[in-house]
Structures are given as C-alpha cells and as structure tokens.
Protein backbone atom coordinates (compact mmCIF):
# COMPACT_ATOMS: atom_id res chain seq x y z
CA GLU A 1 9.55 13.42 19.57
CA ALA A 2 12.09 10.90 18.30
CA GLY A 3 9.56 8.08 18.41
CA LEU A 4 7.02 10.02 16.39
CA ALA A 5 9.66 11.11 13.89
CA TYR A 6 10.77 7.51 13.37
CA LEU A 7 7.18 6.32 12.88
CA ASP A 8 6.34 9.12 10.46
CA SER A 9 9.36 8.22 8.33
CA GLY A 10 8.49 4.52 8.29
CA GLN A 11 11.34 3.45 10.62
CA THR A 12 9.27 1.30 12.92
CA ALA A 13 12.15 -0.71 14.34
CA TYR A 14 13.89 2.41 15.68
CA ALA A 15 10.66 3.63 17.27
CA ALA A 16 10.10 0.22 18.86
CA GLY A 17 13.58 0.41 20.35
CA LEU A 18 12.46 3.43 22.36
CA ARG A 19 9.38 1.75 23.83
CA GLU A 20 10.75 1.16 27.34
CA GLN A 21 11.99 4.75 27.58
CA VAL A 22 8.62 6.05 26.38
CA HIS A 23 6.79 3.83 28.86
CA ALA A 24 8.93 5.27 31.67
CA CYS A 25 7.86 8.82 30.81
CA HIS A 26 5.26 10.67 32.89
CA PRO A 27 1.72 9.54 31.97
CA GLY A 28 0.05 11.83 29.47
CA LEU A 29 -1.59 12.18 26.10
CA ARG A 30 1.62 12.04 24.03
CA ARG A 31 2.97 9.04 25.93
CA ASP A 32 -0.28 7.09 25.54
CA LEU A 33 -0.44 7.94 21.84
CA LEU A 34 3.12 6.85 21.15
CA LEU A 35 2.76 3.58 23.07
CA GLY A 36 -0.37 2.88 21.05
CA LEU A 37 1.43 3.62 17.80
CA ILE A 38 4.42 1.44 18.67
CA ASP A 39 2.31 -1.50 19.86
CA TRP A 40 0.22 -1.24 16.70
CA GLU A 41 3.31 -1.44 14.50
CA LEU A 42 4.54 -4.40 16.53
CA GLY A 43 1.28 -6.24 15.78
CA ASP A 44 -0.25 -6.06 19.26
CA ALA A 45 -3.65 -4.74 18.24
CA ALA A 46 -5.32 -5.19 21.65
CA SER A 47 -2.64 -3.24 23.50
CA ALA A 48 -2.60 -0.55 20.80
CA LEU A 49 -6.35 -0.08 21.05
CA SER A 50 -6.15 0.19 24.83
CA TRP A 51 -3.46 2.89 24.73
CA LEU A 52 -5.19 4.87 21.97
CA LEU A 53 -8.53 4.85 23.81
CA ARG A 54 -6.69 6.11 26.89
CA ALA A 55 -5.23 8.89 24.77
CA VAL A 56 -8.51 10.16 23.31
CA GLU A 57 -10.20 9.91 26.71
CA HIS A 58 -7.37 11.71 28.54
CA PRO A 59 -8.67 14.62 30.67
CA ALA A 60 -6.27 17.05 29.02
CA ALA A 61 -6.76 15.75 25.46
CA ALA A 62 -8.80 18.74 24.29
CA GLU A 63 -5.93 21.07 25.26
CA ASN A 64 -3.70 19.57 22.53
CA PRO A 65 -5.77 19.27 19.31
CA PRO A 66 -2.87 18.15 17.02
CA VAL A 67 -1.92 15.21 19.25
CA LEU A 68 -5.57 14.32 19.86
CA ALA A 69 -6.14 14.38 16.08
CA ARG A 70 -3.30 11.92 15.60
CA ALA A 71 -4.75 9.58 18.24
CA TRP A 72 -8.19 9.62 16.57
CA ALA A 73 -6.54 9.05 13.16
CA GLN A 74 -4.67 6.03 14.48
CA LEU A 75 -7.82 4.68 16.09
CA ALA A 76 -9.43 4.87 12.66
CA GLU A 77 -6.67 2.61 11.31
CA VAL A 78 -7.11 0.09 14.13
CA TYR A 79 -10.85 -0.05 13.44
CA VAL A 80 -10.32 -0.39 9.68
CA VAL A 81 -8.00 -3.36 10.12
CA ALA A 82 -10.50 -4.97 12.52
CA ALA A 83 -13.24 -4.44 9.89
CA ARG A 84 -15.13 -2.09 12.25
CA ALA A 85 -15.90 0.28 9.42
CA GLN A 86 -18.51 2.54 11.04
CA GLU A 87 -16.29 3.15 14.08
CA ALA A 88 -13.39 3.85 11.70
CA LEU A 89 -15.47 6.47 9.89
CA GLU A 90 -16.41 8.16 13.14
CA ALA A 91 -12.82 8.16 14.44
CA GLY A 92 -11.52 9.48 11.12
CA GLU A 93 -14.08 12.28 11.04
CA GLU A 94 -13.06 13.26 14.60
CA ALA A 95 -9.45 13.42 13.46
CA LEU A 96 -10.29 15.56 10.43
CA SER A 97 -12.23 18.01 12.57
CA LEU A 98 -9.10 18.61 14.70
CA ALA A 99 -6.18 18.12 12.30
CA VAL A 100 -4.15 20.77 10.53
CA ARG A 101 -4.00 20.48 6.74
CA ASP A 102 -0.99 18.47 5.49
CA SER A 103 -0.17 17.17 8.96
CA SER A 104 0.43 13.47 9.58
CA ALA A 105 -2.87 13.23 11.42
CA GLU A 106 -4.79 14.79 8.55
CA ARG A 107 -3.28 12.50 5.93
CA ILE A 108 -3.69 9.37 8.06
CA ALA A 109 -7.30 10.28 8.79
CA TRP A 110 -8.05 10.67 5.08
CA LEU A 111 -6.48 7.27 4.34
CA HIS A 112 -8.82 5.52 6.73
CA VAL A 113 -11.94 7.61 6.16
CA ALA A 114 -11.71 6.71 2.46
CA THR A 115 -10.97 3.05 3.22
CA ALA A 116 -13.83 2.84 5.73
CA GLU A 117 -16.17 4.49 3.22
CA GLY A 118 -15.19 1.75 0.79
CA MET A 119 -15.82 -0.91 3.43
CA VAL A 120 -19.33 0.42 4.01
CA HIS A 121 -20.40 1.31 0.47
CA GLY A 122 -17.85 -0.34 -1.86
CA GLY A 123 -14.53 0.64 -3.43
CA PRO A 124 -15.86 3.23 -5.92
CA ALA A 125 -17.48 5.10 -3.01
CA GLY A 126 -14.14 5.10 -1.21
CA LEU A 127 -12.44 6.52 -4.29
CA ARG A 128 -15.04 9.27 -4.53
CA ARG A 129 -14.47 10.19 -0.90
CA LEU A 130 -10.68 10.26 -1.31
CA ALA A 131 -11.07 12.50 -4.37
CA GLU A 132 -12.23 15.25 -1.97
CA ARG A 133 -8.66 15.33 -0.65
CA LEU A 134 -6.70 13.98 -3.63
CA PRO A 135 -8.31 15.07 -6.91
CA LYS A 136 -5.00 15.18 -8.76
CA GLY A 137 -3.42 12.80 -11.26
CA PRO A 138 -0.51 10.69 -9.98
CA LYS A 139 2.18 12.85 -11.59
CA ASP A 140 0.95 15.96 -9.75
CA ILE A 141 1.31 14.44 -6.28
CA ALA A 142 3.60 16.07 -3.71
CA SER A 143 6.04 13.89 -1.79
CA GLY A 144 4.03 14.28 1.42
CA GLU A 145 1.01 12.76 -0.30
CA LEU A 146 2.61 9.47 -1.32
CA ASP A 147 0.70 7.41 1.22
CA LEU A 148 -2.57 8.94 0.07
CA LEU A 149 -1.60 7.78 -3.41
CA VAL A 150 -0.87 4.25 -2.16
CA THR A 151 -4.29 4.20 -0.51
CA ARG A 152 -5.92 5.35 -3.73
CA ALA A 153 -4.13 2.53 -5.55
CA SER A 154 -5.21 0.03 -2.89
CA ILE A 155 -8.85 1.05 -3.11
CA GLY A 156 -8.51 1.07 -6.90
CA TYR A 157 -7.23 -2.51 -6.80
CA TYR A 158 -10.23 -3.54 -4.72
CA SER A 159 -12.49 -1.67 -7.14
CA ALA A 160 -11.06 -3.58 -10.15
CA ARG A 161 -9.67 -0.32 -11.59
CA ILE A 162 -6.29 -1.79 -12.34
CA PRO A 163 -4.78 0.57 -14.97
CA GLN A 164 -5.33 3.56 -12.67
CA ALA A 165 -4.02 1.67 -9.64
CA ARG A 166 -0.85 0.63 -11.46
CA ALA A 167 -0.28 4.19 -12.67
CA ASP A 168 -0.51 5.44 -9.07
CA LEU A 169 1.90 2.77 -7.80
CA ASP A 170 4.40 3.43 -10.60
CA VAL A 171 4.64 7.05 -9.45
CA VAL A 172 5.00 6.06 -5.78
CA LEU A 173 7.83 3.64 -6.58
CA GLU A 174 9.63 6.12 -8.79
CA MET A 175 9.48 8.80 -6.07
CA ALA A 176 10.58 6.29 -3.42
CA ARG A 177 13.63 5.39 -5.52
CA ARG A 178 14.53 9.08 -5.57
CA GLY A 179 14.44 9.21 -1.77
CA ASP A 180 10.88 10.27 -0.94
CA VAL A 181 9.37 8.46 2.03
CA ALA A 182 6.28 6.29 1.63
CA VAL A 183 5.30 4.72 4.95
CA GLN A 184 3.14 2.19 3.08
CA LEU A 185 6.00 1.11 0.81
CA SER A 186 5.59 -2.59 1.60
CA ARG A 187 1.89 -2.41 0.66
CA CYS A 188 2.84 -0.65 -2.55
CA HIS A 189 5.11 -3.52 -3.61
CA TYR A 190 2.59 -6.13 -2.43
CA LEU A 191 -0.18 -4.59 -4.53
CA MET A 192 2.12 -4.54 -7.55
CA ALA A 193 2.86 -8.23 -6.97
CA ALA A 194 -0.84 -9.07 -6.85
CA MET A 195 -1.63 -7.14 -10.03
CA LEU A 196 1.37 -8.51 -11.91
CA THR A 197 0.42 -12.06 -10.97
CA ALA A 198 -3.04 -11.55 -12.45
CA ALA A 199 -1.50 -9.95 -15.55
CA GLY A 200 0.84 -12.90 -16.17
CA GLU A 201 4.05 -11.00 -15.33
CA TRP A 202 5.17 -13.57 -12.81
CA ASP A 203 8.91 -12.83 -12.67
CA ASP A 204 8.18 -9.22 -11.73
CA ALA A 205 5.45 -10.33 -9.35
CA GLU A 206 7.98 -12.46 -7.45
CA LEU A 207 10.44 -9.60 -7.31
CA HIS A 208 7.87 -7.17 -5.90
CA ALA A 209 6.55 -9.71 -3.40
CA ARG A 210 10.05 -10.43 -2.09
CA THR A 211 10.82 -6.72 -1.88
CA ALA A 212 7.57 -6.13 -0.01
CA LEU A 213 8.37 -8.99 2.37
CA SER A 214 11.84 -7.60 3.08
CA ILE A 215 10.44 -4.16 3.93
CA ALA A 216 7.55 -5.54 5.98
CA THR A 217 9.92 -7.80 7.93
CA ASP A 218 12.28 -4.90 8.69
CA ASP A 219 9.30 -2.80 9.81
CA ARG A 220 7.74 -5.71 11.77
CA LEU A 221 4.44 -5.40 9.88
CA VAL A 222 3.07 -8.85 10.64
CA TRP A 223 -0.10 -8.70 8.52
CA MET A 224 1.83 -7.39 5.52
CA GLN A 225 4.37 -10.19 5.90
CA SER A 226 1.49 -12.67 5.76
CA GLN A 227 0.16 -11.23 2.52
CA CYS A 228 3.63 -11.15 0.93
CA HIS A 229 4.16 -14.83 1.77
CA ALA A 230 0.73 -15.56 0.26
CA ALA A 231 1.67 -13.73 -2.94
CA LEU A 232 4.89 -15.73 -3.22
CA ALA A 233 3.06 -18.99 -2.47
CA THR A 234 0.68 -18.31 -5.34
CA VAL A 235 3.37 -17.75 -7.97
CA MET A 236 5.40 -20.73 -6.72
CA ALA A 237 2.29 -22.92 -6.87
CA PHE A 238 1.38 -21.80 -10.35
CA ARG A 239 4.89 -22.79 -11.46
CA GLY A 240 4.88 -26.14 -9.70
CA SER A 241 7.54 -25.25 -7.11
CA TRP A 242 5.65 -27.22 -4.49
CA GLU A 243 8.09 -27.05 -1.57
CA ASP A 244 8.54 -23.30 -1.88
CA ALA A 245 4.79 -22.79 -2.23
CA GLU A 246 4.06 -24.87 0.87
CA ARG A 247 6.73 -23.04 2.87
CA HIS A 248 5.36 -19.61 2.01
CA LEU A 249 1.78 -20.76 2.54
CA GLU A 250 2.56 -22.07 6.02
CA ARG A 251 4.14 -18.72 6.94
CA ALA A 252 1.21 -16.79 5.46
CA GLY A 253 -1.27 -18.78 7.52
CA SER A 254 0.62 -18.63 10.81
CA LEU A 255 1.31 -14.89 10.52
CA ALA A 256 -2.29 -14.14 9.55
CA HIS A 257 -3.52 -16.09 12.58
CA GLY A 258 -1.15 -14.19 14.86
CA ALA A 259 -2.09 -10.81 13.41
CA ASP A 260 -5.87 -11.34 13.75
CA ASN A 261 -6.32 -9.42 10.49
CA LEU A 262 -9.27 -10.10 8.14
CA GLU A 263 -7.42 -9.06 4.98
CA ALA A 264 -4.39 -11.20 5.79
CA ALA A 265 -6.58 -14.19 6.70
CA ALA A 266 -8.57 -13.93 3.46
CA VAL A 267 -5.44 -13.56 1.32
CA ALA A 268 -3.92 -16.64 3.01
CA ARG A 269 -7.04 -18.66 2.18
CA VAL A 270 -6.88 -17.54 -1.44
CA ALA A 271 -3.22 -18.62 -1.61
CA GLU A 272 -4.21 -22.01 -0.16
CA SER A 273 -6.83 -22.36 -2.90
CA ASN A 274 -4.27 -21.45 -5.56
CA LEU A 275 -1.98 -24.25 -4.45
CA ALA A 276 -4.91 -26.68 -4.58
CA ARG A 277 -5.87 -25.34 -8.00
CA ALA A 278 -2.38 -25.92 -9.36
CA ARG A 279 -2.51 -29.48 -8.02
CA GLU A 280 -5.90 -30.06 -9.68
CA LEU A 281 -7.75 -30.59 -6.40
CA PRO A 282 -11.11 -28.84 -6.86
CA SER A 283 -12.52 -30.12 -3.56
CA ALA A 284 -9.59 -28.49 -1.72
CA VAL A 285 -10.17 -25.24 -3.63
CA ILE A 286 -13.80 -25.28 -2.51
CA GLY A 287 -12.75 -26.03 1.07
CA ALA A 288 -10.41 -23.04 1.13
CA LEU A 289 -12.81 -20.54 -0.46
CA ASP A 290 -16.29 -21.69 0.51
CA GLY A 291 -18.05 -19.12 2.70
CA LEU A 292 -15.53 -16.38 2.00
CA GLY A 293 -18.14 -14.38 0.12
CA SER A 294 -20.15 -13.88 3.30
CA LEU A 295 -17.09 -12.70 5.25
CA VAL A 296 -15.41 -10.16 2.96
CA PRO A 297 -16.30 -6.49 3.48
CA MET A 298 -17.75 -4.26 0.81
CA LEU A 299 -14.20 -3.10 0.02
CA SER A 300 -13.33 -6.21 -1.96
CA ALA A 301 -13.00 -6.87 -5.69
CA LEU A 302 -14.11 -10.50 -5.17
CA TYR A 303 -11.16 -11.92 -7.12
CA PHE A 304 -11.51 -15.19 -5.19
CA TRP A 305 -15.00 -15.94 -6.51
CA PRO A 306 -14.30 -17.11 -10.11
CA PRO A 307 -11.80 -19.82 -9.00
CA LEU A 308 -14.39 -21.08 -6.49
CA ILE A 309 -17.01 -21.34 -9.24
CA CYS A 310 -14.58 -23.09 -11.59
CA ALA A 311 -13.79 -25.61 -8.84
CA LEU A 312 -17.50 -26.30 -8.31
CA ILE A 313 -17.90 -26.92 -12.04
CA ASP A 314 -14.84 -29.20 -12.13
CA ASN A 315 -16.26 -31.05 -9.12
CA GLY A 316 -19.57 -31.65 -10.91
CA GLU A 317 -21.55 -29.36 -8.55
CA LEU A 318 -23.30 -27.50 -11.36
CA ASP A 319 -26.33 -26.30 -9.40
CA ARG A 320 -24.10 -24.77 -6.72
CA ALA A 321 -21.98 -23.22 -9.47
CA ARG A 322 -25.08 -21.53 -10.93
CA GLU A 323 -26.01 -20.21 -7.50
CA GLN A 324 -22.49 -18.89 -6.95
CA ILE A 325 -22.42 -17.14 -10.33
CA ASP A 326 -25.62 -15.32 -9.35
CA ALA A 327 -24.19 -14.46 -5.92
CA PHE A 328 -20.93 -13.24 -7.48
CA CYS A 329 -22.74 -10.96 -9.92
CA ALA A 330 -25.02 -9.60 -7.18
CA ALA A 331 -22.04 -8.89 -4.91
CA ALA A 332 -20.21 -7.11 -7.74
CA ASP A 333 -23.30 -5.00 -8.55
CA ALA A 334 -23.67 -4.03 -4.88
CA ARG A 335 -20.07 -2.81 -4.86
CA GLY A 336 -20.21 -1.02 -8.21
CA ILE A 337 -17.51 -3.30 -9.65
CA ASP A 338 -17.26 -4.07 -13.36
CA ILE A 339 -16.39 -7.77 -13.59
CA GLY A 340 -16.01 -7.56 -17.36
CA GLY A 341 -15.84 -10.89 -19.13
CA SER A 342 -15.55 -12.95 -15.97
CA GLU A 343 -19.28 -13.72 -15.85
CA ILE A 344 -19.25 -14.76 -19.53
CA GLY A 345 -16.27 -17.06 -19.04
CA LEU A 346 -17.90 -18.75 -16.06
CA ALA A 347 -21.17 -19.18 -17.97
CA ALA A 348 -19.21 -20.71 -20.86
CA ARG A 349 -17.55 -23.24 -18.56
CA LEU A 350 -20.88 -24.10 -16.95
CA ALA A 351 -22.63 -24.52 -20.31
CA ALA A 352 -19.82 -26.79 -21.54
CA ALA A 353 -20.06 -28.93 -18.40
CA ALA A 354 -23.85 -29.15 -18.82
CA GLY A 355 -23.50 -30.34 -22.41
CA GLN A 356 -24.91 -27.11 -23.90
CA THR A 357 -22.17 -27.00 -26.50
CA ASP A 358 -23.66 -24.47 -28.93
CA ARG A 359 -24.28 -21.93 -26.18
CA ALA A 360 -20.87 -22.66 -24.65
CA ALA A 361 -19.13 -22.11 -28.01
CA GLU A 362 -20.83 -18.73 -28.42
CA LEU A 363 -19.82 -17.68 -24.91
CA PHE A 364 -16.22 -18.92 -25.27
CA GLU A 365 -15.82 -16.94 -28.48
CA ARG A 366 -17.24 -13.81 -26.82
CA VAL A 367 -15.05 -13.92 -23.73
CA LEU A 368 -11.84 -14.79 -25.59
CA ALA A 369 -12.42 -11.82 -27.91
CA GLN A 370 -12.45 -9.46 -24.91
CA THR A 371 -9.54 -7.96 -23.05
CA GLY A 372 -9.43 -6.67 -19.51
CA PHE A 373 -8.11 -7.39 -16.06
CA TYR A 374 -10.93 -9.28 -14.45
CA VAL A 375 -10.31 -12.38 -16.54
CA SER A 376 -6.76 -12.97 -15.35
CA PHE A 377 -3.94 -14.19 -17.56
CA LEU A 378 -4.13 -17.69 -16.09
CA ASP A 379 -7.91 -17.85 -16.37
CA ARG A 380 -7.75 -16.74 -20.02
CA ALA A 381 -5.20 -19.47 -20.81
CA LEU A 382 -7.41 -22.06 -19.08
CA LEU A 383 -10.47 -20.83 -21.00
CA HIS A 384 -8.60 -21.72 -24.20
CA HIS A 385 -7.96 -25.16 -22.70
CA CYS A 386 -11.56 -25.69 -21.64
CA TYR A 387 -12.87 -24.58 -25.03
CA ALA A 388 -10.37 -26.84 -26.82
CA LYS A 389 -11.53 -29.88 -24.85
CA MET A 390 -15.15 -29.20 -25.76
CA LEU A 391 -14.27 -28.71 -29.44
CA LEU A 392 -12.30 -31.93 -29.46
CA ALA A 393 -15.26 -33.82 -27.98
CA LYS A 394 -17.42 -32.43 -30.79
CA GLY A 395 -14.90 -33.66 -33.37
CA ASN A 396 -13.55 -30.24 -34.41
CA ARG A 397 -9.89 -31.21 -34.13
CA ALA A 398 -8.53 -28.31 -36.18
CA LEU A 399 -10.09 -25.56 -34.05
CA ALA A 400 -9.41 -27.54 -30.86
CA THR A 401 -5.73 -27.77 -31.76
CA ARG A 402 -5.61 -24.01 -32.29
CA HIS A 403 -7.03 -23.31 -28.84
CA PHE A 404 -4.85 -25.95 -27.19
CA LYS A 405 -1.86 -24.19 -28.72
CA SER A 406 -3.04 -20.70 -27.69
CA GLY A 407 -3.49 -21.74 -24.07
CA ARG A 408 -0.26 -23.71 -23.96
CA ASP A 409 1.79 -20.89 -25.49
CA MET A 410 0.48 -18.49 -22.86
CA LEU A 411 1.31 -20.89 -20.06
CA ALA A 412 4.75 -21.70 -21.48
CA ALA A 413 5.63 -17.99 -21.49
CA VAL A 414 5.29 -17.91 -17.69
CA LYS A 415 6.59 -21.45 -17.01
CA ALA A 416 3.24 -22.57 -15.56
CA ALA A 417 4.35 -26.21 -15.42
CA PRO A 418 1.32 -27.81 -13.67
CA PHE A 419 -1.15 -26.29 -16.13
CA ILE A 420 1.03 -27.09 -19.14
CA ALA A 421 1.02 -30.70 -17.97
CA LEU A 422 -2.80 -30.73 -18.04
CA ILE A 423 -2.87 -29.55 -21.64
CA ASP A 424 -0.15 -31.99 -22.68
CA ALA A 425 -2.10 -34.86 -21.11
CA ASP A 426 -5.18 -33.93 -23.14
CA LEU A 427 -3.11 -33.60 -26.29
CA GLY A 428 -1.65 -37.05 -25.65
CA ASP A 429 -5.07 -38.58 -25.08
CA ALA A 430 -6.23 -37.09 -28.39
CA ARG A 431 -3.09 -38.33 -30.13
CA LEU A 432 -2.06 -34.75 -30.84
CA LYS A 433 1.65 -34.27 -30.38
CA PRO A 434 2.45 -31.72 -27.64
CA PRO A 435 5.31 -29.24 -28.18
CA GLY A 436 8.64 -29.63 -26.39
CA LYS A 437 8.81 -29.58 -22.61
CA VAL A 438 9.04 -26.33 -20.67
CA ALA A 439 11.43 -26.15 -17.75
CA SER A 440 9.67 -25.46 -14.46
CA GLN A 441 12.75 -24.93 -12.32
CA PRO A 442 15.76 -22.63 -12.65
CA ALA A 443 18.80 -24.23 -14.21
CA PHE A 444 21.09 -22.67 -11.58
CA ALA A 445 20.85 -22.68 -7.78
CA LEU A 446 20.54 -18.95 -7.28
CA THR A 447 19.19 -17.48 -4.07
CA GLU A 448 15.99 -15.44 -4.22
CA ARG A 449 17.94 -12.17 -3.99
CA GLU A 450 20.36 -13.33 -6.69
CA ARG A 451 17.42 -14.13 -8.98
CA ASP A 452 16.07 -10.61 -8.43
CA VAL A 453 19.45 -9.07 -9.27
CA ALA A 454 19.86 -11.33 -12.30
CA LEU A 455 16.40 -10.40 -13.59
CA LEU A 456 17.01 -6.67 -13.34
CA VAL A 457 20.56 -6.76 -14.72
CA SER A 458 19.43 -8.91 -17.64
CA ARG A 459 16.97 -6.16 -18.51
CA GLY A 460 19.75 -3.66 -18.89
CA LEU A 461 19.63 -1.88 -15.53
CA SER A 462 22.88 -0.55 -14.10
CA ASN A 463 24.09 -1.54 -10.63
CA PRO A 464 22.87 1.78 -9.10
CA GLU A 465 19.48 1.30 -10.74
CA VAL A 466 19.22 -2.27 -9.41
CA ALA A 467 20.21 -1.05 -5.94
CA ALA A 468 17.46 1.58 -6.05
CA ARG A 469 14.84 -0.97 -7.14
CA LEU A 470 15.74 -3.39 -4.35
CA TYR A 471 16.52 -0.77 -1.64
CA VAL A 472 20.01 -2.16 -1.09
CA SER A 473 23.50 -0.71 -1.47
CA ARG A 474 25.50 -0.79 -4.69
CA LYS A 475 28.05 -2.94 -2.88
CA ALA A 476 25.34 -5.50 -2.18
CA VAL A 477 24.42 -5.61 -5.87
CA GLU A 478 28.07 -6.08 -6.84
CA TYR A 479 28.37 -8.92 -4.30
CA HIS A 480 25.28 -10.70 -5.59
CA LEU A 481 26.35 -10.19 -9.21
CA SER A 482 29.75 -11.76 -8.58
CA ASN A 483 28.02 -14.79 -7.01
CA ILE A 484 25.68 -15.05 -9.99
CA TYR A 485 28.58 -14.98 -12.45
CA ALA A 486 30.37 -17.71 -10.51
CA LYS A 487 27.31 -19.97 -10.32
CA VAL A 488 26.26 -19.51 -13.93
CA GLY A 489 29.83 -19.65 -15.26
CA ILE A 490 29.81 -16.30 -17.07
CA SER A 491 31.72 -13.06 -16.80
CA SER A 492 29.64 -10.30 -18.40
CA ARG A 493 26.22 -8.66 -18.36
CA ARG A 494 25.74 -9.62 -22.00
CA GLU A 495 26.21 -13.29 -21.15
CA LEU A 496 23.76 -12.87 -18.25
CA ARG A 497 21.11 -11.52 -20.62
CA GLU A 498 21.53 -14.64 -22.74
CA ALA A 499 21.58 -16.95 -19.70
CA GLN A 500 18.40 -15.32 -18.37
CA LEU A 501 16.45 -17.53 -20.73
CA MET A 502 17.44 -20.42 -18.46
CA LEU A 503 17.12 -18.67 -15.07
C-alpha cells in the first residue's frame, strides 16, 4: 500500500526504498505489480516487463479487477516506450475494460491508449482519442487529471499544435505550484524547454530544462534525464558554450543508451546535430540525423527534418535535399501535421543554392511574411541571413543589409554567438560594418541554480514565488540570492534587475 501510494504521488525514490521488503512479501498479484512498477521507474525495462506479465497472467488475477487493471495499464506504458504501439493499444484497452472511473489505472490507461493511437495513426488521431476522456479546456481540469493534461500537451507538441500545448502546460505548472501532484512533472518542464527553445526564449528554456532534470534525477527517470540533458546541450550549443554543450550531450547519449528508449535516443541525436549545426559542420549534422526519418514513429512532429535538409543544401547535395523535402512533406501529410512555412523556407534555400534567384526571392519573401511555430526562431533568423547573402550576390546591397540586420538583431537578442559570427563574417567580406560584439558568456561565475534564481528575481518575482517555480525552499532561495549579491557586487533586487543585462 505504501509503495503504490508513493508511486501514485510521484515519489519514486521512496517506493524504490521499499523494494526489498516488497520482494520478501508472499508471491501474488499485488507484489508482482509493485515490483514491476518499481523496476520500471528505476529504468530496468526488461525486469519490469517480466514482473508485469507475471501479474496479468497470475491465476488469481481475475479475482481483483482494480489491481489487474493497473497491471494492464502499466504494461501499456512499457509497450509505448518500447514503440510497440499495437500491443500498447491492446493492453490499454484491457485496462479500460476493468478500471474504475477516475482511478489511477483508468487515467494511466487513457494516457497510453491515446499515445499509442498517435503512434499508429499520428498525433492528431491521438488527440481525438484522448478527447473522449478529456474534452475540457485546460482551465476546467480537476487536479486528478493533471497527467492527462500533460499527455495532451505532449501529443499536441508532437502534432505541431504548440499554442494549445503551451496553454495546457501553463495550467499544469500553475496547479503544481499550488501543491497539486503531477506525476509527469519532469516531462511537463522538458516539453516547455523544447517549445521555448524553438520560440527563441532561451533563458526560460534553460530554466525549465534544469528544473526538469532536477525532478527526473530525484525520481530516477533515466530516459527523462537524457532528454533534459539534450535540451540543455542544444541551448548551450546555440550560444557557443561548447564545453557545457559537450558535457550535456555526452550525458544525454550515455543515459539514452542505458535506457533503451527510442524517444530519448532520437532526442540525443537531434542534440548532437544541433551542436554540429552551431559549429557549421553540415556533414556532421547529416551524420547525426540521416536515417532518422525511417525510425521515428507516427507520433512525431518531424522537427529534426528541416535542419537535415538545410545541412544537405549547405553540403552541396541538392538532389538529396530535393528528395528529403518530398519525404518530409509526405511524412507530415501522413501524420496530419501542418508544417506551415517550413516547406517554403526549405524550397527558398534550395532555389538560392541552385542559382534560381528570382524564384528564391519570391519564396524568401513569402516565408518571412508568415508567422508560426514550425519555422523556429533560429531558422527564421537564418532565413534572413541566407536571403541577405543571395541579395548581396545579386548586387542589392541595400536590401541585403536590411536582412543581415534583421537576422543579426534576432540572434543578438538570444546571445546566439556562433550564428552572429557567421553574419559578421559575411558583413566583413562585403565591407559592411557589423554592429558591436555580443557577449556569449555570463559576466559573472554564477552556478546554474544561481542563474535561475537571478533570472526569476530580476523579473520581479518574490522569494516565495521563486521557490515555488523551482520547487525549493524559501531558505534555499535566500541562500542563492545572497551568493549572487556577493558575486555580482550588489545589495538589492533593483540592482540585480539592472545587472541581469550582463548575466
């Protein structure tokens, strides 16, 4: 009973501490279920599967429908993570046929039935299935439904429905700060980090990724730790913090390998490609991403594909780039995903590389006039850069300068040092004077946690509000704040807001 209570409240470490006592109990359905649940949370997928299969096949299983429902629901999760979507659907349906409404088993089964539906037929299909259980808007959700809301946001992210996904996650985080329990809290913060990175809100992306990593580490969620390290590696790479990026990337890769998790492995490869992209190594980008399109399940928004195509273009492989654009569009159509202006931007880059300057100019103007998530903040800034280079080659220095400036201003706002350097090099070659340098590193040696505290305090949050955002005590915030003041050489929150420009 204690083990199940700990797991249902997201306190995996406490449940794991009871494993030996549980193992010593008399063999039975509940014991097998709990051992499967604990081993799953500890990252031992093979052992978890063995215990859960023992549970559902137990001779007395039919005599205890609620416990049997929970075992089938957990089997659905194991199958989802292993990308065995059809088996996950079948296990989830078994759980739903036995579970009581609003029980843990019922909610867990719905999470994985919807996810598996997305894996078979695409994200929008998964959202439609989940709407059978969760038709409400995010503000009408009960506290017991928070994890259903996180799953809806996750499927929404993989369906490229970002505004809705962010709205769902905002509600989950607000309720969690008030004390409601979301077992998938680390995934919630990880998804926010991924979406904020694409939106160009990199300071907040770092904060959410570190928060997610802290929670996932405490809960021993190995595959989530891998994805959090990958998210941090990406932002660090985009800002030219090479050592930090390499450190997080190494951890992402090793944890993904140990977890034997398709999602974690794919995310680690994307992070590897992002580091290569920031270092202007298109061949390495291709090496990291090539073939990924044939591996990802239907529940994927294919965010990795545009950088692969850009790398092929930069590497002079124009025929392969054309083939990959067609494959990308076909994969998006099969999943029911709206890729917005991404296809236009890729076609513009390809036309420019092929010397079709009139067509490229038309396409660049079209895509840069659009807004939307699928063309990420970084990609939009680099489209300005690519267009500017083509205009400069045509002799249109005035319009080229305007697009150089637009791209550079966007990159300067997020301290994207490696990409700013590319633009400045082109400006120098064209004898156009680049603006002043942008610092790529913090001026003060703050720890990661101190940077998070400094960011939130500089935005006007009180110590209790910062503590709630970071899931730490007020005393911890006060301690970090005093260290920040000492390192920066200030003594007030007002001075910190001013100093934040340099942090």
